[in-house]
Amino acid sequence: MHVIIGGCGRLGAAIAEQLSRDPDTDVVAVDVKATAFDRLGSAFNGETLVGDVTDRDVLEQAGVQHANGLIAVTRFDNANLMAVETATHLYNVPRTIARLFNPEREEVYRKLGVRYVSSTGTIAKLFLNEFQEDSYPLHVHFLDSDINIVDLEVDTGGHGMTVEEFEQDGLLRVAAVRRGARVFIPDATDRLERDDVLTAAMKPSAVRGLAHLVREPFDRRRQRGT
């Protein structure tokens, strides 16, 4: 797999390093400043290219003609949009993602069919979630939905329940169970144990039914071993 990373700030460098760990993935990090590549750690196993990721010549030097993906994470929304639009429509790159700073542009990106990650919206949601003492640790928030992916810690009330009983007729779905050092995907008939940590997709309306089944608020310090 060949992936181009446009922008080598802290985020771009982190993504490039992670992707380059896969021996089957070729990564090219592109940035207008050569000094940006100083952020790449010694574990980075890819290539670097000085240039503007919106420039077709630069993209072609980076191998866009045979790229499987492009991730544009520069500091500028317009540059990120232009890079993914060029890669998608001129070079038929199958998977492109743009970083988005201005949440007011989300509707435009959706109408254009651009896959994006809203930095401001996502980070704001995470901060607000952490600020609320009665919130569950949040894995994913879907911007166009009221469904969240959260962690739930089973208390005495939920001990012995089957997964099917716990899921409240579709208001909640358990994807994984962490029991001590073991993590597994449960069957509907598996019985939960006190202190299990469940990763689940949950609607807000499920919260009331969980009150006597899980620890609320989630004991974050306990799970972190502090």
C-alpha atoms as a PDB file:
ATOM      1  CA  MET A   1       0.000   0.000   0.000  1.00  0.00           C
ATOM      2  CA  HIS A   2       1.261   3.474  -0.887  1.00  0.00           C
ATOM      3  CA  VAL A   3       0.100   6.424   1.233  1.00  0.00           C
ATOM      4  CA  ILE A   4       0.891  10.134   0.967  1.00  0.00           C
ATOM      5  CA  ILE A   5       0.734  12.334   4.061  1.00  0.00           C
ATOM      6  CA  GLY A   6       0.318  16.020   3.256  1.00  0.00           C
ATOM      7  CA  GLY A   7       1.640  18.140   6.136  1.00  0.00           C
ATOM      8  CA  CYS A   8       4.234  17.036   8.650  1.00  0.00           C
ATOM      9  CA  GLY A   9       3.185  18.916  11.752  1.00  0.00           C
ATOM     10  CA  ARG A  10       2.758  17.021  14.984  1.00  0.00           C
ATOM     11  CA  LEU A  11      -0.351  15.253  13.700  1.00  0.00           C
ATOM     12  CA  GLY A  12       1.055  14.439  10.271  1.00  0.00           C
ATOM     13  CA  ALA A  13       4.290  13.154  11.781  1.00  0.00           C
ATOM     14  CA  ALA A  14       2.402  10.918  14.212  1.00  0.00           C
ATOM     15  CA  ILE A  15       0.257   9.472  11.419  1.00  0.00           C
ATOM     16  CA  ALA A  16       3.266   8.947   9.159  1.00  0.00           C
ATOM     17  CA  GLU A  17       5.189   7.150  11.896  1.00  0.00           C
ATOM     18  CA  GLN A  18       2.260   4.877  12.725  1.00  0.00           C
ATOM     19  CA  LEU A  19       1.608   3.931   9.103  1.00  0.00           C
ATOM     20  CA  SER A  20       5.282   3.345   8.336  1.00  0.00           C
ATOM     21  CA  ARG A  21       5.454   0.652  11.009  1.00  0.00           C
ATOM     22  CA  ASP A  22       3.584  -1.637   8.642  1.00  0.00           C
ATOM     23  CA  PRO A  23       6.197  -3.293   6.386  1.00  0.00           C
ATOM     24  CA  ASP A  24       3.603  -3.542   3.613  1.00  0.00           C
ATOM     25  CA  THR A  25       2.926   0.209   3.597  1.00  0.00           C
ATOM     26  CA  ASP A  26       5.066   2.760   1.766  1.00  0.00           C
ATOM     27  CA  VAL A  27       4.666   6.231   3.256  1.00  0.00           C
ATOM     28  CA  VAL A  28       5.697   9.564   1.738  1.00  0.00           C
ATOM     29  CA  ALA A  29       5.484  12.614   4.020  1.00  0.00           C
ATOM     30  CA  VAL A  30       5.173  15.932   2.172  1.00  0.00           C
ATOM     31  CA  ASP A  31       5.691  19.395   3.661  1.00  0.00           C
ATOM     32  CA  VAL A  32       6.696  22.807   2.381  1.00  0.00           C
ATOM     33  CA  LYS A  33       9.386  23.072   5.073  1.00  0.00           C
ATOM     34  CA  ALA A  34      12.277  20.652   5.263  1.00  0.00           C
ATOM     35  CA  THR A  35      12.584  21.310   8.997  1.00  0.00           C
ATOM     36  CA  ALA A  36       9.102  19.838   9.507  1.00  0.00           C
ATOM     37  CA  PHE A  37      10.555  16.375   9.024  1.00  0.00           C
ATOM     38  CA  ASP A  38      12.566  16.828  12.218  1.00  0.00           C
ATOM     39  CA  ARG A  39       9.331  15.832  13.984  1.00  0.00           C
ATOM     40  CA  LEU A  40       9.601  12.343  12.547  1.00  0.00           C
ATOM     41  CA  GLY A  41      11.122   9.957  15.036  1.00  0.00           C
ATOM     42  CA  SER A  42      13.790   7.377  14.380  1.00  0.00           C
ATOM     43  CA  ALA A  43      11.049   4.761  13.945  1.00  0.00           C
ATOM     44  CA  PHE A  44       9.816   6.434  10.741  1.00  0.00           C
ATOM     45  CA  ASN A  45      10.426   4.065   7.847  1.00  0.00           C
ATOM     46  CA  GLY A  46       9.260   6.106   4.890  1.00  0.00           C
ATOM     47  CA  GLU A  47      10.270   8.880   2.514  1.00  0.00           C
ATOM     48  CA  THR A  48      10.084  12.656   2.799  1.00  0.00           C
ATOM     49  CA  LEU A  49       9.487  15.222   0.093  1.00  0.00           C
ATOM     50  CA  VAL A  50       9.755  19.006   0.328  1.00  0.00           C
ATOM     51  CA  GLY A  51       6.920  20.640  -1.559  1.00  0.00           C
ATOM     52  CA  ASP A  52       3.315  21.799  -1.626  1.00  0.00           C
ATOM     53  CA  VAL A  53       0.876  18.873  -1.448  1.00  0.00           C
ATOM     54  CA  THR A  54      -1.580  20.841  -3.608  1.00  0.00           C
ATOM     55  CA  ASP A  55       0.954  20.973  -6.465  1.00  0.00           C
ATOM     56  CA  ARG A  56       0.403  18.264  -9.066  1.00  0.00           C
ATOM     57  CA  ASP A  57       4.127  17.961  -9.812  1.00  0.00           C
ATOM     58  CA  VAL A  58       4.831  17.404  -6.122  1.00  0.00           C
ATOM     59  CA  LEU A  59       2.016  14.861  -5.874  1.00  0.00           C
ATOM     60  CA  GLU A  60       3.409  12.977  -8.844  1.00  0.00           C
ATOM     61  CA  GLN A  61       6.880  12.965  -7.290  1.00  0.00           C
ATOM     62  CA  ALA A  62       5.231  11.470  -4.207  1.00  0.00           C
ATOM     63  CA  GLY A  63       3.735   8.691  -6.336  1.00  0.00           C
ATOM     64  CA  VAL A  64       0.113   9.789  -6.462  1.00  0.00           C
ATOM     65  CA  GLN A  65      -0.369   7.879  -9.711  1.00  0.00           C
ATOM     66  CA  HIS A  66      -0.227   4.575  -7.826  1.00  0.00           C
ATOM     67  CA  ALA A  67      -1.220   5.780  -4.340  1.00  0.00           C
ATOM     68  CA  ASN A  68      -3.812   3.868  -2.351  1.00  0.00           C
ATOM     69  CA  GLY A  69      -4.498   6.783  -0.038  1.00  0.00           C
ATOM     70  CA  LEU A  70      -3.798  10.426   0.742  1.00  0.00           C
ATOM     71  CA  ILE A  71      -4.215  12.114   4.103  1.00  0.00           C
ATOM     72  CA  ALA A  72      -4.076  15.925   4.027  1.00  0.00           C
ATOM     73  CA  VAL A  73      -3.347  17.395   7.467  1.00  0.00           C
ATOM     74  CA  THR A  74      -1.733  20.751   6.771  1.00  0.00           C
ATOM     75  CA  ARG A  75      -2.657  23.806   8.846  1.00  0.00           C
ATOM     76  CA  PHE A  76      -4.926  25.149   6.098  1.00  0.00           C
ATOM     77  CA  ASP A  77      -8.413  23.880   5.265  1.00  0.00           C
ATOM     78  CA  ASN A  78      -8.225  25.081   1.654  1.00  0.00           C
ATOM     79  CA  ALA A  79      -4.958  23.244   1.052  1.00  0.00           C
ATOM     80  CA  ASN A  80      -6.321  20.043   2.576  1.00  0.00           C
ATOM     81  CA  LEU A  81      -9.468  20.221   0.475  1.00  0.00           C
ATOM     82  CA  MET A  82      -7.548  20.969  -2.709  1.00  0.00           C
ATOM     83  CA  ALA A  83      -5.130  18.099  -2.090  1.00  0.00           C
ATOM     84  CA  VAL A  84      -7.839  15.472  -1.588  1.00  0.00           C
ATOM     85  CA  GLU A  85      -9.929  16.790  -4.486  1.00  0.00           C
ATOM     86  CA  THR A  86      -6.923  16.634  -6.804  1.00  0.00           C
ATOM     87  CA  ALA A  87      -5.950  13.152  -5.650  1.00  0.00           C
ATOM     88  CA  THR A  88      -9.524  11.882  -5.911  1.00  0.00           C
ATOM     89  CA  HIS A  89     -10.681  13.373  -9.185  1.00  0.00           C
ATOM     90  CA  LEU A  90      -7.466  13.656 -11.206  1.00  0.00           C
ATOM     91  CA  TYR A  91      -5.605  10.577 -10.019  1.00  0.00           C
ATOM     92  CA  ASN A  92      -8.412   8.317  -8.809  1.00  0.00           C
ATOM     93  CA  VAL A  93      -6.821   7.756  -5.414  1.00  0.00           C
ATOM     94  CA  PRO A  94      -9.368   5.457  -3.737  1.00  0.00           C
ATOM     95  CA  ARG A  95      -9.128   6.770  -0.174  1.00  0.00           C
ATOM     96  CA  THR A  96      -8.551  10.394   0.793  1.00  0.00           C
ATOM     97  CA  ILE A  97      -9.111  12.241   4.062  1.00  0.00           C
ATOM     98  CA  ALA A  98      -8.847  15.958   4.812  1.00  0.00           C
ATOM     99  CA  ARG A  99      -8.235  17.641   8.133  1.00  0.00           C
ATOM    100  CA  LEU A 100     -10.838  20.336   8.820  1.00  0.00           C
ATOM    101  CA  PHE A 101     -10.290  23.180  11.274  1.00  0.00           C
ATOM    102  CA  ASN A 102     -13.374  25.307  10.628  1.00  0.00           C
ATOM    103  CA  PRO A 103     -16.493  23.340  11.688  1.00  0.00           C
ATOM    104  CA  GLU A 104     -18.679  25.760   9.709  1.00  0.00           C
ATOM    105  CA  ARG A 105     -17.394  24.113   6.537  1.00  0.00           C
ATOM    106  CA  GLU A 106     -18.540  20.612   7.482  1.00  0.00           C
ATOM    107  CA  GLU A 107     -21.743  20.842   5.440  1.00  0.00           C
ATOM    108  CA  VAL A 108     -19.767  21.897   2.368  1.00  0.00           C
ATOM    109  CA  TYR A 109     -17.358  18.999   2.774  1.00  0.00           C
ATOM    110  CA  ARG A 110     -20.244  16.550   3.140  1.00  0.00           C
ATOM    111  CA  LYS A 111     -21.945  17.856  -0.005  1.00  0.00           C
ATOM    112  CA  LEU A 112     -18.688  17.487  -1.907  1.00  0.00           C
ATOM    113  CA  GLY A 113     -18.379  13.923  -0.679  1.00  0.00           C
ATOM    114  CA  VAL A 114     -15.066  14.652   1.027  1.00  0.00           C
ATOM    115  CA  ARG A 115     -14.069  12.401   3.895  1.00  0.00           C
ATOM    116  CA  TYR A 116     -12.767  14.588   6.694  1.00  0.00           C
ATOM    117  CA  VAL A 117     -11.906  14.784  10.359  1.00  0.00           C
ATOM    118  CA  SER A 118     -13.010  17.955  12.118  1.00  0.00           C
ATOM    119  CA  SER A 119     -10.202  18.845  14.505  1.00  0.00           C
ATOM    120  CA  THR A 120     -12.130  21.513  16.363  1.00  0.00           C
ATOM    121  CA  GLY A 121     -15.395  19.588  16.671  1.00  0.00           C
ATOM    122  CA  THR A 122     -13.787  16.331  17.737  1.00  0.00           C
ATOM    123  CA  ILE A 123     -11.417  17.875  20.275  1.00  0.00           C
ATOM    124  CA  ALA A 124     -14.161  20.081  21.723  1.00  0.00           C
ATOM    125  CA  LYS A 125     -16.395  17.038  22.199  1.00  0.00           C
ATOM    126  CA  LEU A 126     -13.607  15.131  23.948  1.00  0.00           C
ATOM    127  CA  PHE A 127     -12.832  18.021  26.306  1.00  0.00           C
ATOM    128  CA  LEU A 128     -16.489  18.519  27.192  1.00  0.00           C
ATOM    129  CA  ASN A 129     -16.936  14.813  27.765  1.00  0.00           C
ATOM    130  CA  GLU A 130     -13.933  14.685  30.119  1.00  0.00           C
ATOM    131  CA  PHE A 131     -15.151  17.808  31.919  1.00  0.00           C
ATOM    132  CA  GLN A 132     -18.468  16.215  32.857  1.00  0.00           C
ATOM    133  CA  GLU A 133     -17.987  14.049  35.919  1.00  0.00           C
ATOM    134  CA  ASP A 134     -20.957  11.815  35.119  1.00  0.00           C
ATOM    135  CA  SER A 135     -19.872  11.025  31.556  1.00  0.00           C
ATOM    136  CA  TYR A 136     -18.455   7.742  30.327  1.00  0.00           C
ATOM    137  CA  PRO A 137     -15.024   7.675  28.649  1.00  0.00           C
ATOM    138  CA  LEU A 138     -15.673   8.407  24.990  1.00  0.00           C
ATOM    139  CA  HIS A 139     -14.034   6.501  22.141  1.00  0.00           C
ATOM    140  CA  VAL A 140     -15.978   7.884  19.176  1.00  0.00           C
ATOM    141  CA  HIS A 141     -18.652  10.534  18.686  1.00  0.00           C
ATOM    142  CA  PHE A 142     -20.546  10.448  15.384  1.00  0.00           C
ATOM    143  CA  LEU A 143     -21.177  14.046  14.356  1.00  0.00           C
ATOM    144  CA  ASP A 144     -24.411  13.237  12.510  1.00  0.00           C
ATOM    145  CA  SER A 145     -25.836  10.908  15.163  1.00  0.00           C
ATOM    146  CA  ASP A 146     -26.636  10.644  18.855  1.00  0.00           C
ATOM    147  CA  ILE A 147     -24.754   7.342  19.092  1.00  0.00           C
ATOM    148  CA  ASN A 148     -21.451   7.267  20.992  1.00  0.00           C
ATOM    149  CA  ILE A 149     -18.859   4.552  21.538  1.00  0.00           C
ATOM    150  CA  VAL A 150     -18.170   4.452  25.286  1.00  0.00           C
ATOM    151  CA  ASP A 151     -16.628   2.382  28.078  1.00  0.00           C
ATOM    152  CA  LEU A 152     -18.900   0.983  30.793  1.00  0.00           C
ATOM    153  CA  GLU A 153     -17.725  -0.702  33.984  1.00  0.00           C
ATOM    154  CA  VAL A 154     -20.041  -3.454  35.202  1.00  0.00           C
ATOM    155  CA  ASP A 155     -21.124  -3.160  38.852  1.00  0.00           C
ATOM    156  CA  THR A 156     -22.966  -5.568  41.142  1.00  0.00           C
ATOM    157  CA  GLY A 157     -26.305  -4.969  39.412  1.00  0.00           C
ATOM    158  CA  GLY A 158     -24.986  -6.134  36.056  1.00  0.00           C
ATOM    159  CA  HIS A 159     -23.102  -9.128  37.416  1.00  0.00           C
ATOM    160  CA  GLY A 160     -24.513 -12.372  36.002  1.00  0.00           C
ATOM    161  CA  MET A 161     -26.565 -10.730  33.251  1.00  0.00           C
ATOM    162  CA  THR A 162     -26.208 -12.049  29.716  1.00  0.00           C
ATOM    163  CA  VAL A 163     -24.988  -9.650  27.063  1.00  0.00           C
ATOM    164  CA  GLU A 164     -28.398  -9.857  25.394  1.00  0.00           C
ATOM    165  CA  GLU A 165     -30.150  -8.800  28.615  1.00  0.00           C
ATOM    166  CA  PHE A 166     -27.706  -5.949  29.136  1.00  0.00           C
ATOM    167  CA  GLU A 167     -28.201  -4.505  25.647  1.00  0.00           C
ATOM    168  CA  GLN A 168     -31.704  -3.127  26.375  1.00  0.00           C
ATOM    169  CA  ASP A 169     -33.507  -4.090  23.176  1.00  0.00           C
ATOM    170  CA  GLY A 170     -31.236  -2.255  20.772  1.00  0.00           C
ATOM    171  CA  LEU A 171     -30.447   0.874  22.776  1.00  0.00           C
ATOM    172  CA  LEU A 172     -26.950  -0.414  23.350  1.00  0.00           C
ATOM    173  CA  ARG A 173     -24.610  -2.905  21.665  1.00  0.00           C
ATOM    174  CA  VAL A 174     -21.588  -4.462  23.351  1.00  0.00           C
ATOM    175  CA  ALA A 175     -18.623  -4.803  20.981  1.00  0.00           C
ATOM    176  CA  ALA A 176     -15.905  -5.986  23.371  1.00  0.00           C
ATOM    177  CA  VAL A 177     -15.367  -7.022  26.972  1.00  0.00           C
ATOM    178  CA  ARG A 178     -12.185  -6.425  28.934  1.00  0.00           C
ATOM    179  CA  ARG A 179     -11.936  -8.868  31.844  1.00  0.00           C
ATOM    180  CA  GLY A 180      -8.655  -8.419  33.640  1.00  0.00           C
ATOM    181  CA  ALA A 181      -5.899  -8.793  31.057  1.00  0.00           C
ATOM    182  CA  ARG A 182      -8.201 -10.537  28.568  1.00  0.00           C
ATOM    183  CA  VAL A 183     -10.225  -8.764  25.865  1.00  0.00           C
ATOM    184  CA  PHE A 184     -12.821 -10.649  23.830  1.00  0.00           C
ATOM    185  CA  ILE A 185     -15.864 -10.208  21.595  1.00  0.00           C
ATOM    186  CA  PRO A 186     -18.818 -11.647  23.503  1.00  0.00           C
ATOM    187  CA  ASP A 187     -21.704 -13.815  22.390  1.00  0.00           C
ATOM    188  CA  ALA A 188     -25.259 -12.808  23.280  1.00  0.00           C
ATOM    189  CA  THR A 189     -25.403 -15.589  25.874  1.00  0.00           C
ATOM    190  CA  ASP A 190     -22.124 -14.729  27.625  1.00  0.00           C
ATOM    191  CA  ARG A 191     -22.624 -13.631  31.218  1.00  0.00           C
ATOM    192  CA  LEU A 192     -21.049 -10.446  32.480  1.00  0.00           C
ATOM    193  CA  GLU A 193     -19.011 -10.211  35.645  1.00  0.00           C
ATOM    194  CA  ARG A 194     -18.532  -7.398  38.106  1.00  0.00           C
ATOM    195  CA  ASP A 195     -15.554  -5.190  37.103  1.00  0.00           C
ATOM    196  CA  ASP A 196     -15.838  -6.136  33.409  1.00  0.00           C
ATOM    197  CA  VAL A 197     -15.198  -3.101  31.190  1.00  0.00           C
ATOM    198  CA  LEU A 198     -17.474  -3.051  28.156  1.00  0.00           C
ATOM    199  CA  THR A 199     -16.851  -1.077  24.984  1.00  0.00           C
ATOM    200  CA  ALA A 200     -20.291  -0.363  23.573  1.00  0.00           C
ATOM    201  CA  ALA A 201     -22.276   1.711  21.079  1.00  0.00           C
ATOM    202  CA  MET A 202     -24.890   3.546  23.112  1.00  0.00           C
ATOM    203  CA  LYS A 203     -27.791   5.925  22.615  1.00  0.00           C
ATOM    204  CA  PRO A 204     -28.394   8.598  25.285  1.00  0.00           C
ATOM    205  CA  SER A 205     -31.745   6.995  26.138  1.00  0.00           C
ATOM    206  CA  ALA A 206     -29.886   3.921  27.407  1.00  0.00           C
ATOM    207  CA  VAL A 207     -28.311   5.808  30.310  1.00  0.00           C
ATOM    208  CA  ARG A 208     -31.314   5.563  32.641  1.00  0.00           C
ATOM    209  CA  GLY A 209     -31.499   1.788  32.321  1.00  0.00           C
ATOM    210  CA  LEU A 210     -27.785   1.472  33.112  1.00  0.00           C
ATOM    211  CA  ALA A 211     -27.926   3.299  36.444  1.00  0.00           C
ATOM    212  CA  HIS A 212     -28.102   0.140  38.560  1.00  0.00           C
ATOM    213  CA  LEU A 213     -25.953  -2.014  36.268  1.00  0.00           C
ATOM    214  CA  VAL A 214     -22.711  -0.065  35.895  1.00  0.00           C
ATOM    215  CA  ARG A 215     -20.588   2.246  37.969  1.00  0.00           C
ATOM    216  CA  GLU A 216     -21.720   5.795  37.358  1.00  0.00           C
ATOM    217  CA  PRO A 217     -19.786   7.940  36.993  1.00  0.00           C
ATOM    218  CA  PHE A 218     -17.178   5.642  35.514  1.00  0.00           C
ATOM    219  CA  ASP A 219     -14.287   5.284  37.985  1.00  0.00           C
ATOM    220  CA  ARG A 220     -11.525   6.549  35.699  1.00  0.00           C
ATOM    221  CA  ARG A 221      -8.852   6.685  38.372  1.00  0.00           C
ATOM    222  CA  ARG A 222      -9.453   3.070  39.283  1.00  0.00           C
ATOM    223  CA  GLN A 223      -9.118   1.900  35.683  1.00  0.00           C
ATOM    224  CA  ARG A 224      -5.898   3.862  35.275  1.00  0.00           C
ATOM    225  CA  GLY A 225      -4.458   2.196  38.344  1.00  0.00           C
ATOM    226  CA  THR A 226      -4.167   5.389  40.399  1.00  0.00           C
END
